[in-house]
Amino acid sequence: MSFLSRLIGPRVRCDHCGRTYKPNLTDKALPSGGAVRRFTCPHCGTVTIVAVITPRGVELQKRIQDLDLSDRGAREALARLRAELKAEVRRP
């Protein structure tokens, strides 16, 4: 698996087969507890890794999803959690 596609607006062009498509991002869990965010070319099956997320990053994603934005202080918590998450996501 390698980074083989270039972004072209809302579509990508596969560097392997040259066809364009709308990427469908998915997260694949890793044995370490982290995850790999990726998409697959529907034409040739080439996998493009977009980001690697640490186990702490996966935990932070869950906490962000569980936030009740109607609660007071939730927006501040969301901003803090997003900043923490940014440090836990690596580009390949």
PDB file of N, CA and C in Angstrom:
ATOM      1  N   MET A   1       0.845  -1.171   0.000  1.00  0.00           N
ATOM      2  CA  MET A   1       0.000   0.000   0.000  1.00  0.00           C
ATOM      3  C   MET A   1       0.892   1.237   0.000  1.00  0.00           C
ATOM      4  N   SER A   2       0.612   2.164  -0.867  1.00  0.00           N
ATOM      5  CA  SER A   2       1.376   3.397  -0.891  1.00  0.00           C
ATOM      6  C   SER A   2       0.475   4.546  -1.317  1.00  0.00           C
ATOM      7  N   PHE A   3       0.997   5.733  -1.169  1.00  0.00           N
ATOM      8  CA  PHE A   3       0.228   6.922  -1.517  1.00  0.00           C
ATOM      9  C   PHE A   3       0.332   7.135  -3.016  1.00  0.00           C
ATOM     10  N   LEU A   4      -0.689   6.676  -3.775  1.00  0.00           N
ATOM     11  CA  LEU A   4      -0.599   6.649  -5.231  1.00  0.00           C
ATOM     12  C   LEU A   4      -1.592   7.532  -5.963  1.00  0.00           C
ATOM     13  N   SER A   5      -2.362   8.316  -5.230  1.00  0.00           N
ATOM     14  CA  SER A   5      -3.370   9.133  -5.912  1.00  0.00           C
ATOM     15  C   SER A   5      -3.133  10.609  -5.646  1.00  0.00           C
ATOM     16  N   ARG A   6      -3.486  11.436  -6.583  1.00  0.00           N
ATOM     17  CA  ARG A   6      -3.425  12.887  -6.410  1.00  0.00           C
ATOM     18  C   ARG A   6      -4.858  13.414  -6.327  1.00  0.00           C
ATOM     19  N   LEU A   7      -5.059  14.362  -5.412  1.00  0.00           N
ATOM     20  CA  LEU A   7      -6.393  14.952  -5.278  1.00  0.00           C
ATOM     21  C   LEU A   7      -6.694  15.876  -6.451  1.00  0.00           C
ATOM     22  N   ILE A   8      -7.905  15.783  -6.971  1.00  0.00           N
ATOM     23  CA  ILE A   8      -8.380  16.635  -8.066  1.00  0.00           C
ATOM     24  C   ILE A   8      -9.773  17.107  -7.671  1.00  0.00           C
ATOM     25  N   GLY A   9      -9.857  18.207  -6.924  1.00  0.00           N
ATOM     26  CA  GLY A   9     -11.149  18.676  -6.439  1.00  0.00           C
ATOM     27  C   GLY A   9     -11.802  17.602  -5.588  1.00  0.00           C
ATOM     28  N   PRO A  10     -13.119  17.370  -5.752  1.00  0.00           N
ATOM     29  CA  PRO A  10     -13.787  16.347  -4.954  1.00  0.00           C
ATOM     30  C   PRO A  10     -13.530  14.929  -5.485  1.00  0.00           C
ATOM     31  N   ARG A  11     -12.765  14.820  -6.541  1.00  0.00           N
ATOM     32  CA  ARG A  11     -12.448  13.520  -7.134  1.00  0.00           C
ATOM     33  C   ARG A  11     -10.940  13.312  -7.072  1.00  0.00           C
ATOM     34  N   VAL A  12     -10.508  12.086  -7.221  1.00  0.00           N
ATOM     35  CA  VAL A  12      -9.082  11.779  -7.270  1.00  0.00           C
ATOM     36  C   VAL A  12      -8.766  11.025  -8.548  1.00  0.00           C
ATOM     37  N   ARG A  13      -7.516  11.110  -8.954  1.00  0.00           N
ATOM     38  CA  ARG A  13      -7.048  10.341 -10.106  1.00  0.00           C
ATOM     39  C   ARG A  13      -6.057   9.318  -9.576  1.00  0.00           C
ATOM     40  N   CYS A  14      -6.308   8.075  -9.870  1.00  0.00           N
ATOM     41  CA  CYS A  14      -5.440   6.992  -9.433  1.00  0.00           C
ATOM     42  C   CYS A  14      -4.138   7.036 -10.226  1.00  0.00           C
ATOM     43  N   ASP A  15      -3.015   7.062  -9.517  1.00  0.00           N
ATOM     44  CA  ASP A  15      -1.720   7.058 -10.200  1.00  0.00           C
ATOM     45  C   ASP A  15      -1.416   5.701 -10.823  1.00  0.00           C
ATOM     46  N   HIS A  16      -2.112   4.674 -10.396  1.00  0.00           N
ATOM     47  CA  HIS A  16      -1.863   3.335 -10.940  1.00  0.00           C
ATOM     48  C   HIS A  16      -2.593   3.120 -12.279  1.00  0.00           C
ATOM     49  N   CYS A  17      -3.909   3.378 -12.288  1.00  0.00           N
ATOM     50  CA  CYS A  17      -4.682   3.112 -13.512  1.00  0.00           C
ATOM     51  C   CYS A  17      -5.096   4.382 -14.260  1.00  0.00           C
ATOM     52  N   GLY A  18      -4.971   5.560 -13.614  1.00  0.00           N
ATOM     53  CA  GLY A  18      -5.275   6.822 -14.274  1.00  0.00           C
ATOM     54  C   GLY A  18      -6.737   7.224 -14.293  1.00  0.00           C
ATOM     55  N   ARG A  19      -7.621   6.390 -13.752  1.00  0.00           N
ATOM     56  CA  ARG A  19      -9.054   6.727 -13.766  1.00  0.00           C
ATOM     57  C   ARG A  19      -9.393   7.625 -12.584  1.00  0.00           C
ATOM     58  N   THR A  20     -10.465   8.413 -12.735  1.00  0.00           N
ATOM     59  CA  THR A  20     -10.887   9.308 -11.660  1.00  0.00           C
ATOM     60  C   THR A  20     -12.124   8.750 -10.978  1.00  0.00           C
ATOM     61  N   TYR A  21     -12.281   9.128  -9.699  1.00  0.00           N
ATOM     62  CA  TYR A  21     -13.421   8.664  -8.912  1.00  0.00           C
ATOM     63  C   TYR A  21     -13.525   9.503  -7.637  1.00  0.00           C
ATOM     64  N   LYS A  22     -14.680   9.433  -6.995  1.00  0.00           N
ATOM     65  CA  LYS A  22     -14.872  10.077  -5.702  1.00  0.00           C
ATOM     66  C   LYS A  22     -14.388   9.110  -4.632  1.00  0.00           C
ATOM     67  N   PRO A  23     -13.434   9.524  -3.804  1.00  0.00           N
ATOM     68  CA  PRO A  23     -12.915   8.608  -2.792  1.00  0.00           C
ATOM     69  C   PRO A  23     -13.928   8.385  -1.662  1.00  0.00           C
ATOM     70  N   ASN A  24     -13.969   7.171  -1.174  1.00  0.00           N
ATOM     71  CA  ASN A  24     -14.796   6.807  -0.030  1.00  0.00           C
ATOM     72  C   ASN A  24     -13.845   6.489   1.113  1.00  0.00           C
ATOM     73  N   LEU A  25     -13.637   7.460   2.002  1.00  0.00           N
ATOM     74  CA  LEU A  25     -12.698   7.285   3.102  1.00  0.00           C
ATOM     75  C   LEU A  25     -13.212   6.261   4.104  1.00  0.00           C
ATOM     76  N   THR A  26     -12.321   5.373   4.511  1.00  0.00           N
ATOM     77  CA  THR A  26     -12.637   4.388   5.534  1.00  0.00           C
ATOM     78  C   THR A  26     -11.476   4.318   6.510  1.00  0.00           C
ATOM     79  N   ASP A  27     -11.764   3.904   7.726  1.00  0.00           N
ATOM     80  CA  ASP A  27     -10.730   3.689   8.722  1.00  0.00           C
ATOM     81  C   ASP A  27     -10.570   2.198   8.933  1.00  0.00           C
ATOM     82  N   LYS A  28      -9.324   1.726   8.898  1.00  0.00           N
ATOM     83  CA  LYS A  28      -9.030   0.328   9.158  1.00  0.00           C
ATOM     84  C   LYS A  28      -8.295   0.260  10.490  1.00  0.00           C
ATOM     85  N   ALA A  29      -8.847  -0.513  11.421  1.00  0.00           N
ATOM     86  CA  ALA A  29      -8.236  -0.649  12.735  1.00  0.00           C
ATOM     87  C   ALA A  29      -6.907  -1.385  12.628  1.00  0.00           C
ATOM     88  N   LEU A  30      -5.959  -0.965  13.438  1.00  0.00           N
ATOM     89  CA  LEU A  30      -4.665  -1.611  13.510  1.00  0.00           C
ATOM     90  C   LEU A  30      -4.565  -2.421  14.805  1.00  0.00           C
ATOM     91  N   PRO A  31      -3.748  -3.470  14.850  1.00  0.00           N
ATOM     92  CA  PRO A  31      -3.607  -4.264  16.079  1.00  0.00           C
ATOM     93  C   PRO A  31      -3.167  -3.430  17.281  1.00  0.00           C
ATOM     94  N   SER A  32      -2.466  -2.329  17.028  1.00  0.00           N
ATOM     95  CA  SER A  32      -1.976  -1.467  18.116  1.00  0.00           C
ATOM     96  C   SER A  32      -3.088  -0.661  18.773  1.00  0.00           C
ATOM     97  N   GLY A  33      -4.278  -0.629  18.146  1.00  0.00           N
ATOM     98  CA  GLY A  33      -5.374   0.191  18.647  1.00  0.00           C
ATOM     99  C   GLY A  33      -5.546   1.470  17.842  1.00  0.00           C
ATOM    100  N   GLY A  34      -4.579   1.762  16.986  1.00  0.00           N
ATOM    101  CA  GLY A  34      -4.675   2.921  16.105  1.00  0.00           C
ATOM    102  C   GLY A  34      -5.507   2.591  14.879  1.00  0.00           C
ATOM    103  N   ALA A  35      -5.415   3.433  13.870  1.00  0.00           N
ATOM    104  CA  ALA A  35      -6.183   3.211  12.646  1.00  0.00           C
ATOM    105  C   ALA A  35      -5.456   3.829  11.461  1.00  0.00           C
ATOM    106  N   VAL A  36      -5.786   3.347  10.289  1.00  0.00           N
ATOM    107  CA  VAL A  36      -5.295   3.904   9.033  1.00  0.00           C
ATOM    108  C   VAL A  36      -6.504   4.419   8.269  1.00  0.00           C
ATOM    109  N   ARG A  37      -6.472   5.695   7.913  1.00  0.00           N
ATOM    110  CA  ARG A  37      -7.541   6.277   7.091  1.00  0.00           C
ATOM    111  C   ARG A  37      -7.103   6.136   5.640  1.00  0.00           C
ATOM    112  N   ARG A  38      -7.998   5.571   4.818  1.00  0.00           N
ATOM    113  CA  ARG A  38      -7.609   5.244   3.450  1.00  0.00           C
ATOM    114  C   ARG A  38      -8.808   5.234   2.522  1.00  0.00           C
ATOM    115  N   PHE A  39      -8.518   5.137   1.234  1.00  0.00           N
ATOM    116  CA  PHE A  39      -9.559   4.878   0.244  1.00  0.00           C
ATOM    117  C   PHE A  39      -8.978   3.962  -0.808  1.00  0.00           C
ATOM    118  N   THR A  40      -9.876   3.274  -1.522  1.00  0.00           N
ATOM    119  CA  THR A  40      -9.477   2.273  -2.505  1.00  0.00           C
ATOM    120  C   THR A  40     -10.041   2.639  -3.870  1.00  0.00           C
ATOM    121  N   CYS A  41      -9.201   2.542  -4.885  1.00  0.00           N
ATOM    122  CA  CYS A  41      -9.668   2.793  -6.251  1.00  0.00           C
ATOM    123  C   CYS A  41     -10.665   1.703  -6.633  1.00  0.00           C
ATOM    124  N   PRO A  42     -11.898   2.069  -7.015  1.00  0.00           N
ATOM    125  CA  PRO A  42     -12.888   1.057  -7.373  1.00  0.00           C
ATOM    126  C   PRO A  42     -12.588   0.376  -8.711  1.00  0.00           C
ATOM    127  N   HIS A  43     -11.657   0.936  -9.474  1.00  0.00           N
ATOM    128  CA  HIS A  43     -11.333   0.386 -10.784  1.00  0.00           C
ATOM    129  C   HIS A  43     -10.225  -0.660 -10.737  1.00  0.00           C
ATOM    130  N   CYS A  44      -9.158  -0.381  -9.968  1.00  0.00           N
ATOM    131  CA  CYS A  44      -8.022  -1.307  -9.961  1.00  0.00           C
ATOM    132  C   CYS A  44      -7.686  -1.839  -8.571  1.00  0.00           C
ATOM    133  N   GLY A  45      -8.334  -1.300  -7.522  1.00  0.00           N
ATOM    134  CA  GLY A  45      -8.104  -1.798  -6.168  1.00  0.00           C
ATOM    135  C   GLY A  45      -6.907  -1.196  -5.451  1.00  0.00           C
ATOM    136  N   THR A  46      -6.248  -0.210  -6.048  1.00  0.00           N
ATOM    137  CA  THR A  46      -5.106   0.425  -5.396  1.00  0.00           C
ATOM    138  C   THR A  46      -5.570   1.152  -4.139  1.00  0.00           C
ATOM    139  N   VAL A  47      -4.892   0.893  -3.030  1.00  0.00           N
ATOM    140  CA  VAL A  47      -5.229   1.515  -1.748  1.00  0.00           C
ATOM    141  C   VAL A  47      -4.353   2.739  -1.542  1.00  0.00           C
ATOM    142  N   THR A  48      -4.968   3.848  -1.177  1.00  0.00           N
ATOM    143  CA  THR A  48      -4.257   5.083  -0.882  1.00  0.00           C
ATOM    144  C   THR A  48      -4.435   5.393   0.598  1.00  0.00           C
ATOM    145  N   ILE A  49      -3.328   5.475   1.311  1.00  0.00           N
ATOM    146  CA  ILE A  49      -3.370   5.816   2.739  1.00  0.00           C
ATOM    147  C   ILE A  49      -3.309   7.329   2.859  1.00  0.00           C
ATOM    148  N   VAL A  50      -4.272   7.882   3.575  1.00  0.00           N
ATOM    149  CA  VAL A  50      -4.368   9.320   3.746  1.00  0.00           C
ATOM    150  C   VAL A  50      -3.752   9.752   5.067  1.00  0.00           C
ATOM    151  N   ALA A  51      -3.943   8.941   6.116  1.00  0.00           N
ATOM    152  CA  ALA A  51      -3.429   9.297   7.434  1.00  0.00           C
ATOM    153  C   ALA A  51      -3.298   8.051   8.299  1.00  0.00           C
ATOM    154  N   VAL A  52      -2.402   8.148   9.265  1.00  0.00           N
ATOM    155  CA  VAL A  52      -2.251   7.109  10.280  1.00  0.00           C
ATOM    156  C   VAL A  52      -2.608   7.757  11.613  1.00  0.00           C
ATOM    157  N   ILE A  53      -3.525   7.137  12.348  1.00  0.00           N
ATOM    158  CA  ILE A  53      -4.037   7.694  13.594  1.00  0.00           C
ATOM    159  C   ILE A  53      -3.554   6.820  14.745  1.00  0.00           C
ATOM    160  N   THR A  54      -3.002   7.448  15.757  1.00  0.00           N
ATOM    161  CA  THR A  54      -2.487   6.711  16.912  1.00  0.00           C
ATOM    162  C   THR A  54      -3.651   6.168  17.745  1.00  0.00           C
ATOM    163  N   PRO A  55      -3.381   5.225  18.660  1.00  0.00           N
ATOM    164  CA  PRO A  55      -4.449   4.748  19.544  1.00  0.00           C
ATOM    165  C   PRO A  55      -5.088   5.888  20.349  1.00  0.00           C
ATOM    166  N   ARG A  56      -4.278   6.829  20.809  1.00  0.00           N
ATOM    167  CA  ARG A  56      -4.828   7.987  21.530  1.00  0.00           C
ATOM    168  C   ARG A  56      -5.727   8.803  20.594  1.00  0.00           C
ATOM    169  N   GLY A  57      -5.356   8.925  19.320  1.00  0.00           N
ATOM    170  CA  GLY A  57      -6.175   9.643  18.351  1.00  0.00           C
ATOM    171  C   GLY A  57      -7.527   8.988  18.145  1.00  0.00           C
ATOM    172  N   VAL A  58      -7.552   7.650  18.117  1.00  0.00           N
ATOM    173  CA  VAL A  58      -8.825   6.921  17.984  1.00  0.00           C
ATOM    174  C   VAL A  58      -9.706   7.210  19.194  1.00  0.00           C
ATOM    175  N   GLU A  59      -9.101   7.228  20.376  1.00  0.00           N
ATOM    176  CA  GLU A  59      -9.847   7.541  21.602  1.00  0.00           C
ATOM    177  C   GLU A  59     -10.405   8.962  21.542  1.00  0.00           C
ATOM    178  N   LEU A  60      -9.596   9.909  21.080  1.00  0.00           N
ATOM    179  CA  LEU A  60     -10.052  11.296  20.969  1.00  0.00           C
ATOM    180  C   LEU A  60     -11.185  11.425  19.956  1.00  0.00           C
ATOM    181  N   GLN A  61     -11.127  10.690  18.841  1.00  0.00           N
ATOM    182  CA  GLN A  61     -12.217  10.712  17.866  1.00  0.00           C
ATOM    183  C   GLN A  61     -13.521  10.268  18.510  1.00  0.00           C
ATOM    184  N   LYS A  62     -13.459   9.210  19.312  1.00  0.00           N
ATOM    185  CA  LYS A  62     -14.670   8.720  19.994  1.00  0.00           C
ATOM    186  C   LYS A  62     -15.205   9.765  20.958  1.00  0.00           C
ATOM    187  N   ARG A  63     -14.307  10.418  21.691  1.00  0.00           N
ATOM    188  CA  ARG A  63     -14.748  11.452  22.633  1.00  0.00           C
ATOM    189  C   ARG A  63     -15.399  12.622  21.899  1.00  0.00           C
ATOM    190  N   ILE A  64     -14.864  12.989  20.744  1.00  0.00           N
ATOM    191  CA  ILE A  64     -15.450  14.072  19.944  1.00  0.00           C
ATOM    192  C   ILE A  64     -16.845  13.680  19.462  1.00  0.00           C
ATOM    193  N   GLN A  65     -16.999  12.449  18.993  1.00  0.00           N
ATOM    194  CA  GLN A  65     -18.300  11.986  18.512  1.00  0.00           C
ATOM    195  C   GLN A  65     -19.328  11.933  19.629  1.00  0.00           C
ATOM    196  N   ASP A  66     -18.881  11.678  20.853  1.00  0.00           N
ATOM    197  CA  ASP A  66     -19.794  11.558  21.983  1.00  0.00           C
ATOM    198  C   ASP A  66     -20.164  12.892  22.618  1.00  0.00           C
ATOM    199  N   LEU A  67     -19.546  13.977  22.191  1.00  0.00           N
ATOM    200  CA  LEU A  67     -19.850  15.285  22.777  1.00  0.00           C
ATOM    201  C   LEU A  67     -21.293  15.687  22.498  1.00  0.00           C
ATOM    202  N   ASP A  68     -21.925  16.235  23.513  1.00  0.00           N
ATOM    203  CA  ASP A  68     -23.271  16.799  23.351  1.00  0.00           C
ATOM    204  C   ASP A  68     -23.098  18.293  23.157  1.00  0.00           C
ATOM    205  N   LEU A  69     -23.209  18.750  21.914  1.00  0.00           N
ATOM    206  CA  LEU A  69     -22.937  20.150  21.603  1.00  0.00           C
ATOM    207  C   LEU A  69     -23.964  21.118  22.173  1.00  0.00           C
ATOM    208  N   SER A  70     -25.050  20.599  22.743  1.00  0.00           N
ATOM    209  CA  SER A  70     -26.025  21.495  23.377  1.00  0.00           C
ATOM    210  C   SER A  70     -25.600  21.841  24.806  1.00  0.00           C
ATOM    211  N   ASP A  71     -24.635  21.108  25.351  1.00  0.00           N
ATOM    212  CA  ASP A  71     -24.123  21.403  26.698  1.00  0.00           C
ATOM    213  C   ASP A  71     -23.260  22.652  26.685  1.00  0.00           C
ATOM    214  N   ARG A  72     -23.312  23.383  27.811  1.00  0.00           N
ATOM    215  CA  ARG A  72     -22.428  24.538  27.953  1.00  0.00           C
ATOM    216  C   ARG A  72     -20.988  24.042  27.990  1.00  0.00           C
ATOM    217  N   GLY A  73     -20.133  24.768  27.352  1.00  0.00           N
ATOM    218  CA  GLY A  73     -18.721  24.408  27.374  1.00  0.00           C
ATOM    219  C   GLY A  73     -18.330  23.344  26.364  1.00  0.00           C
ATOM    220  N   ALA A  74     -19.304  22.805  25.645  1.00  0.00           N
ATOM    221  CA  ALA A  74     -18.993  21.738  24.692  1.00  0.00           C
ATOM    222  C   ALA A  74     -18.156  22.265  23.531  1.00  0.00           C
ATOM    223  N   ARG A  75     -18.414  23.480  23.121  1.00  0.00           N
ATOM    224  CA  ARG A  75     -17.637  24.041  21.999  1.00  0.00           C
ATOM    225  C   ARG A  75     -16.171  24.214  22.379  1.00  0.00           C
ATOM    226  N   GLU A  76     -15.927  24.650  23.619  1.00  0.00           N
ATOM    227  CA  GLU A  76     -14.552  24.783  24.085  1.00  0.00           C
ATOM    228  C   GLU A  76     -13.889  23.409  24.174  1.00  0.00           C
ATOM    229  N   ALA A  77     -14.634  22.432  24.666  1.00  0.00           N
ATOM    230  CA  ALA A  77     -14.112  21.065  24.754  1.00  0.00           C
ATOM    231  C   ALA A  77     -13.821  20.516  23.360  1.00  0.00           C
ATOM    232  N   LEU A  78     -14.712  20.807  22.407  1.00  0.00           N
ATOM    233  CA  LEU A  78     -14.519  20.345  21.042  1.00  0.00           C
ATOM    234  C   LEU A  78     -13.242  20.937  20.443  1.00  0.00           C
ATOM    235  N   ALA A  79     -13.031  22.217  20.638  1.00  0.00           N
ATOM    236  CA  ALA A  79     -11.830  22.869  20.118  1.00  0.00           C
ATOM    237  C   ALA A  79     -10.574  22.264  20.746  1.00  0.00           C
ATOM    238  N   ARG A  80     -10.605  21.996  22.041  1.00  0.00           N
ATOM    239  CA  ARG A  80      -9.459  21.414  22.742  1.00  0.00           C
ATOM    240  C   ARG A  80      -9.182  20.002  22.249  1.00  0.00           C
ATOM    241  N   LEU A  81     -10.243  19.194  22.115  1.00  0.00           N
ATOM    242  CA  LEU A  81     -10.079  17.816  21.654  1.00  0.00           C
ATOM    243  C   LEU A  81      -9.571  17.767  20.214  1.00  0.00           C
ATOM    244  N   ARG A  82     -10.058  18.663  19.362  1.00  0.00           N
ATOM    245  CA  ARG A  82      -9.580  18.701  17.975  1.00  0.00           C
ATOM    246  C   ARG A  82      -8.097  19.050  17.916  1.00  0.00           C
ATOM    247  N   ALA A  83      -7.672  19.984  18.763  1.00  0.00           N
ATOM    248  CA  ALA A  83      -6.252  20.347  18.805  1.00  0.00           C
ATOM    249  C   ALA A  83      -5.414  19.152  19.265  1.00  0.00           C
ATOM    250  N   GLU A  84      -5.890  18.425  20.259  1.00  0.00           N
ATOM    251  CA  GLU A  84      -5.180  17.236  20.734  1.00  0.00           C
ATOM    252  C   GLU A  84      -5.146  16.162  19.635  1.00  0.00           C
ATOM    253  N   LEU A  85      -6.259  15.992  18.917  1.00  0.00           N
ATOM    254  CA  LEU A  85      -6.345  14.999  17.859  1.00  0.00           C
ATOM    255  C   LEU A  85      -5.352  15.296  16.734  1.00  0.00           C
ATOM    256  N   LYS A  86      -5.196  16.557  16.408  1.00  0.00           N
ATOM    257  CA  LYS A  86      -4.289  16.943  15.322  1.00  0.00           C
ATOM    258  C   LYS A  86      -2.880  16.404  15.556  1.00  0.00           C
ATOM    259  N   ALA A  87      -2.453  16.387  16.801  1.00  0.00           N
ATOM    260  CA  ALA A  87      -1.115  15.896  17.147  1.00  0.00           C
ATOM    261  C   ALA A  87      -1.024  14.374  17.034  1.00  0.00           C
ATOM    262  N   GLU A  88      -2.166  13.688  16.972  1.00  0.00           N
ATOM    263  CA  GLU A  88      -2.187  12.232  16.963  1.00  0.00           C
ATOM    264  C   GLU A  88      -2.423  11.654  15.557  1.00  0.00           C
ATOM    265  N   VAL A  89      -2.455  12.522  14.545  1.00  0.00           N
ATOM    266  CA  VAL A  89      -2.687  12.091  13.163  1.00  0.00           C
ATOM    267  C   VAL A  89      -1.440  12.406  12.341  1.00  0.00           C
ATOM    268  N   ARG A  90      -0.928  11.400  11.648  1.00  0.00           N
ATOM    269  CA  ARG A  90       0.263  11.565  10.815  1.00  0.00           C
ATOM    270  C   ARG A  90      -0.078  11.307   9.359  1.00  0.00           C
ATOM    271  N   ARG A  91       0.475  12.109   8.491  1.00  0.00           N
ATOM    272  CA  ARG A  91       0.349  11.886   7.051  1.00  0.00           C
ATOM    273  C   ARG A  91       1.457  10.926   6.636  1.00  0.00           C
ATOM    274  N   PRO A  92       1.176  10.071   5.677  1.00  0.00           N
ATOM    275  CA  PRO A  92       2.221   9.125   5.252  1.00  0.00           C
ATOM    276  C   PRO A  92       3.355   9.816   4.492  1.00  0.00           C
TER     277      PRO A  92
END
